[in-house]
C-alpha cells in the first residue's frame, strides 16, 4: 500500500474506496489543444475573415502544436520498439 492510503491497481488509483479516472496522456492533452486552436481558427475565418493576422497566428500555433504531437508520438514509438 502506497503512502497516504492510495493503492495502485491496473493503472487506476483507489483512494477511500473510490476509483479515479486515469489522467490523459500528454499527447491527448496536446490533441485537445490542437482541436481548440483549429476551432478558433475556423471561427475567425468564417466570422472575421478580415482578421488575417489573427488567423495567421492561429494557423501557426496549430502547426507548432501538431509538430510537437508528431515528435512526441515518434519518441513513444521509438521507446516501444526498444
N, C-alpha and C. Protein backbone atom coordinates (compact mmCIF):
# COMPACT_ATOMS: atom_id res chain seq x y z
N UNK A 1 0.84 -1.18 0.00
CA UNK A 1 0.00 0.00 0.00
C UNK A 1 0.88 1.24 0.00
N UNK A 2 0.60 2.16 -0.88
CA UNK A 2 1.40 3.37 -1.01
C UNK A 2 1.05 4.34 0.11
N UNK A 3 1.89 5.34 0.28
CA UNK A 3 1.70 6.35 1.31
C UNK A 3 0.40 7.11 1.11
N UNK A 4 -0.23 7.55 2.19
CA UNK A 4 -1.44 8.35 2.08
C UNK A 4 -2.68 7.53 1.78
N UNK A 5 -2.64 6.23 1.95
CA UNK A 5 -3.83 5.41 1.74
C UNK A 5 -4.19 5.18 0.29
N UNK A 6 -3.26 5.41 -0.63
CA UNK A 6 -3.53 5.18 -2.05
C UNK A 6 -2.96 3.84 -2.47
N UNK A 7 -3.66 3.17 -3.36
CA UNK A 7 -3.22 1.88 -3.86
C UNK A 7 -3.31 1.89 -5.37
N UNK A 8 -2.23 1.49 -6.04
CA UNK A 8 -2.18 1.46 -7.50
C UNK A 8 -2.70 0.12 -7.98
N UNK A 9 -3.73 0.13 -8.81
CA UNK A 9 -4.27 -1.12 -9.35
C UNK A 9 -4.67 -0.92 -10.80
N UNK A 10 -4.05 -1.64 -11.70
CA UNK A 10 -4.45 -1.65 -13.10
C UNK A 10 -4.47 -0.27 -13.74
N UNK A 11 -3.52 0.58 -13.36
CA UNK A 11 -3.44 1.90 -13.99
C UNK A 11 -4.39 2.92 -13.37
N UNK A 12 -5.20 2.52 -12.37
CA UNK A 12 -6.11 3.45 -11.73
C UNK A 12 -5.79 3.49 -10.24
N UNK A 13 -5.94 4.65 -9.63
CA UNK A 13 -5.69 4.78 -8.21
C UNK A 13 -7.00 4.62 -7.45
N UNK A 14 -6.88 3.98 -6.30
CA UNK A 14 -8.03 3.88 -5.41
C UNK A 14 -7.72 4.70 -4.17
N UNK A 15 -8.66 5.52 -3.78
CA UNK A 15 -8.48 6.31 -2.57
C UNK A 15 -9.84 6.39 -1.88
N UNK A 16 -9.89 5.92 -0.65
CA UNK A 16 -11.14 5.96 0.08
C UNK A 16 -12.23 5.14 -0.58
N UNK A 17 -11.88 4.09 -1.31
CA UNK A 17 -12.87 3.23 -1.93
C UNK A 17 -13.42 3.75 -3.25
N UNK A 18 -12.96 4.92 -3.71
CA UNK A 18 -13.44 5.47 -4.98
C UNK A 18 -12.33 5.37 -6.02
N UNK A 19 -12.70 4.97 -7.22
CA UNK A 19 -11.72 4.91 -8.30
C UNK A 19 -11.65 6.25 -9.00
N UNK A 20 -10.42 6.67 -9.28
CA UNK A 20 -10.22 7.90 -10.04
C UNK A 20 -9.88 7.51 -11.47
N UNK A 21 -10.38 8.30 -12.42
CA UNK A 21 -10.07 8.00 -13.81
C UNK A 21 -8.60 8.32 -14.09
N UNK A 22 -8.04 7.55 -15.01
CA UNK A 22 -6.65 7.73 -15.38
C UNK A 22 -6.47 9.09 -16.06
N UNK A 23 -5.37 9.75 -15.75
CA UNK A 23 -5.09 11.06 -16.34
C UNK A 23 -4.80 10.91 -17.83
N UNK A 24 -5.24 11.88 -18.64
CA UNK A 24 -4.93 11.81 -20.07
C UNK A 24 -3.43 11.97 -20.30
N UNK A 25 -2.96 11.35 -21.35
CA UNK A 25 -1.53 11.43 -21.67
C UNK A 25 -1.21 12.83 -22.22
N UNK A 26 0.07 13.21 -22.20
CA UNK A 26 0.45 14.50 -22.78
C UNK A 26 0.05 14.62 -24.26
N UNK A 27 0.13 13.52 -25.00
CA UNK A 27 -0.27 13.56 -26.41
C UNK A 27 -1.77 13.85 -26.53
N UNK A 28 -2.58 13.24 -25.65
CA UNK A 28 -4.02 13.50 -25.68
C UNK A 28 -4.32 14.96 -25.33
N UNK A 29 -3.60 15.50 -24.35
CA UNK A 29 -3.80 16.90 -23.97
C UNK A 29 -3.42 17.84 -25.11
N UNK A 30 -2.32 17.53 -25.79
CA UNK A 30 -1.90 18.36 -26.92
C UNK A 30 -2.92 18.25 -28.06
N UNK A 31 -3.49 17.06 -28.24
CA UNK A 31 -4.53 16.88 -29.26
C UNK A 31 -5.75 17.74 -28.97
N UNK A 32 -6.13 17.81 -27.70
CA UNK A 32 -7.26 18.68 -27.32
C UNK A 32 -6.93 20.14 -27.59
N UNK A 33 -5.71 20.54 -27.26
CA UNK A 33 -5.28 21.92 -27.51
C UNK A 33 -5.33 22.23 -29.00
N UNK A 34 -4.86 21.29 -29.82
CA UNK A 34 -4.87 21.49 -31.26
C UNK A 34 -6.30 21.62 -31.78
N UNK A 35 -7.19 20.78 -31.28
CA UNK A 35 -8.60 20.86 -31.69
C UNK A 35 -9.18 22.23 -31.38
N UNK A 36 -8.89 22.74 -30.19
CA UNK A 36 -9.41 24.06 -29.81
C UNK A 36 -8.80 25.18 -30.66
N UNK A 37 -7.51 25.08 -30.93
CA UNK A 37 -6.85 26.08 -31.78
C UNK A 37 -7.50 26.10 -33.16
N UNK A 38 -7.73 24.91 -33.72
CA UNK A 38 -8.33 24.83 -35.06
C UNK A 38 -9.78 25.34 -35.05
N UNK A 39 -10.52 25.09 -33.95
CA UNK A 39 -11.89 25.61 -33.85
C UNK A 39 -11.89 27.13 -33.88
N UNK A 40 -10.99 27.74 -33.10
CA UNK A 40 -10.91 29.20 -33.07
C UNK A 40 -10.49 29.73 -34.44
N UNK A 41 -9.54 29.06 -35.06
CA UNK A 41 -9.10 29.46 -36.40
C UNK A 41 -10.28 29.44 -37.38
N UNK A 42 -11.06 28.37 -37.35
CA UNK A 42 -12.22 28.27 -38.26
C UNK A 42 -13.26 29.34 -37.97
N UNK A 43 -13.49 29.62 -36.67
CA UNK A 43 -14.45 30.66 -36.32
C UNK A 43 -13.98 32.02 -36.84
N UNK A 44 -12.70 32.30 -36.69
CA UNK A 44 -12.16 33.56 -37.20
C UNK A 44 -12.32 33.66 -38.72
N UNK A 45 -11.98 32.57 -39.40
CA UNK A 45 -12.07 32.58 -40.86
C UNK A 45 -13.51 32.80 -41.33
N UNK A 46 -14.48 32.21 -40.62
CA UNK A 46 -15.87 32.34 -41.03
C UNK A 46 -16.50 33.67 -40.60
N UNK A 47 -16.23 34.09 -39.37
CA UNK A 47 -16.92 35.26 -38.82
C UNK A 47 -16.14 36.56 -38.98
N UNK A 48 -14.82 36.48 -39.05
CA UNK A 48 -13.99 37.68 -39.15
C UNK A 48 -12.90 37.48 -40.20
N UNK A 49 -13.27 37.28 -41.45
CA UNK A 49 -12.25 36.98 -42.46
C UNK A 49 -11.22 38.10 -42.64
N UNK A 50 -11.55 39.31 -42.19
CA UNK A 50 -10.60 40.42 -42.30
C UNK A 50 -9.49 40.38 -41.27
N UNK A 51 -9.65 39.52 -40.27
CA UNK A 51 -8.63 39.42 -39.21
C UNK A 51 -7.49 38.50 -39.68
N UNK A 52 -6.84 38.88 -40.73
CA UNK A 52 -5.84 38.00 -41.35
C UNK A 52 -4.67 37.71 -40.43
N UNK A 53 -4.24 38.69 -39.64
CA UNK A 53 -3.10 38.46 -38.75
C UNK A 53 -3.47 37.45 -37.65
N UNK A 54 -4.66 37.59 -37.08
CA UNK A 54 -5.10 36.65 -36.04
C UNK A 54 -5.26 35.24 -36.61
N UNK A 55 -5.80 35.15 -37.81
CA UNK A 55 -5.97 33.84 -38.47
C UNK A 55 -4.61 33.21 -38.72
N UNK A 56 -3.67 34.04 -39.17
CA UNK A 56 -2.31 33.54 -39.44
C UNK A 56 -1.66 33.04 -38.14
N UNK A 57 -1.84 33.77 -37.04
CA UNK A 57 -1.27 33.36 -35.77
C UNK A 57 -1.88 32.05 -35.28
N UNK A 58 -3.20 31.88 -35.45
CA UNK A 58 -3.87 30.64 -35.06
C UNK A 58 -3.33 29.47 -35.89
N UNK A 59 -3.17 29.70 -37.18
CA UNK A 59 -2.66 28.65 -38.07
C UNK A 59 -1.26 28.24 -37.64
N UNK A 60 -0.41 29.24 -37.35
CA UNK A 60 0.97 28.94 -36.94
C UNK A 60 1.00 28.21 -35.60
N UNK A 61 0.14 28.63 -34.66
CA UNK A 61 0.08 27.96 -33.36
C UNK A 61 -0.35 26.50 -33.54
N UNK A 62 -1.36 26.28 -34.36
CA UNK A 62 -1.81 24.91 -34.63
C UNK A 62 -0.73 24.06 -35.26
N UNK A 63 -0.01 24.65 -36.20
CA UNK A 63 1.09 23.91 -36.85
C UNK A 63 2.18 23.54 -35.86
N UNK A 64 2.49 24.45 -34.94
CA UNK A 64 3.51 24.16 -33.92
C UNK A 64 3.06 23.04 -32.99
N UNK A 65 1.81 23.09 -32.56
CA UNK A 65 1.29 22.04 -31.68
C UNK A 65 1.30 20.71 -32.41
N UNK A 66 0.93 20.71 -33.68
CA UNK A 66 0.94 19.47 -34.48
C UNK A 66 2.35 18.91 -34.56
N UNK A 67 3.36 19.76 -34.76
CA UNK A 67 4.75 19.29 -34.81
C UNK A 67 5.16 18.66 -33.48
N UNK A 68 4.75 19.27 -32.38
CA UNK A 68 5.07 18.71 -31.06
C UNK A 68 4.40 17.35 -30.89
N UNK A 69 3.14 17.23 -31.31
CA UNK A 69 2.44 15.95 -31.20
C UNK A 69 3.17 14.88 -32.00
N UNK A 70 3.56 15.21 -33.22
CA UNK A 70 4.27 14.23 -34.06
C UNK A 70 5.59 13.81 -33.41
N UNK A 71 6.32 14.76 -32.85
CA UNK A 71 7.59 14.45 -32.19
C UNK A 71 7.36 13.55 -30.99
N UNK A 72 6.32 13.84 -30.20
CA UNK A 72 6.01 13.03 -29.03
C UNK A 72 5.63 11.61 -29.44
N UNK A 73 4.83 11.48 -30.49
CA UNK A 73 4.43 10.15 -30.96
C UNK A 73 5.62 9.36 -31.48
N UNK A 74 6.51 10.04 -32.20
CA UNK A 74 7.70 9.35 -32.71
C UNK A 74 8.58 8.85 -31.58
N UNK A 75 8.74 9.68 -30.54
CA UNK A 75 9.59 9.22 -29.45
C UNK A 75 8.92 8.11 -28.67
N UNK A 76 7.60 8.11 -28.58
CA UNK A 76 6.89 6.99 -27.93
C UNK A 76 7.10 5.69 -28.72
N UNK A 77 7.01 5.79 -30.04
CA UNK A 77 7.19 4.61 -30.88
C UNK A 77 8.61 4.08 -30.77
N UNK A 78 9.58 4.99 -30.71
CA UNK A 78 10.98 4.54 -30.58
C UNK A 78 11.20 3.87 -29.23
N UNK A 79 10.58 4.37 -28.17
CA UNK A 79 10.73 3.76 -26.86
C UNK A 79 10.08 2.39 -26.82
N UNK A 80 8.94 2.24 -27.50
CA UNK A 80 8.26 0.96 -27.50
C UNK A 80 8.99 -0.08 -28.32
N UNK A 81 9.72 0.35 -29.34
CA UNK A 81 10.42 -0.61 -30.20
C UNK A 81 11.77 -1.01 -29.62
N UNK A 82 12.18 -0.38 -28.55
CA UNK A 82 13.48 -0.74 -27.95
C UNK A 82 13.35 -1.85 -26.94
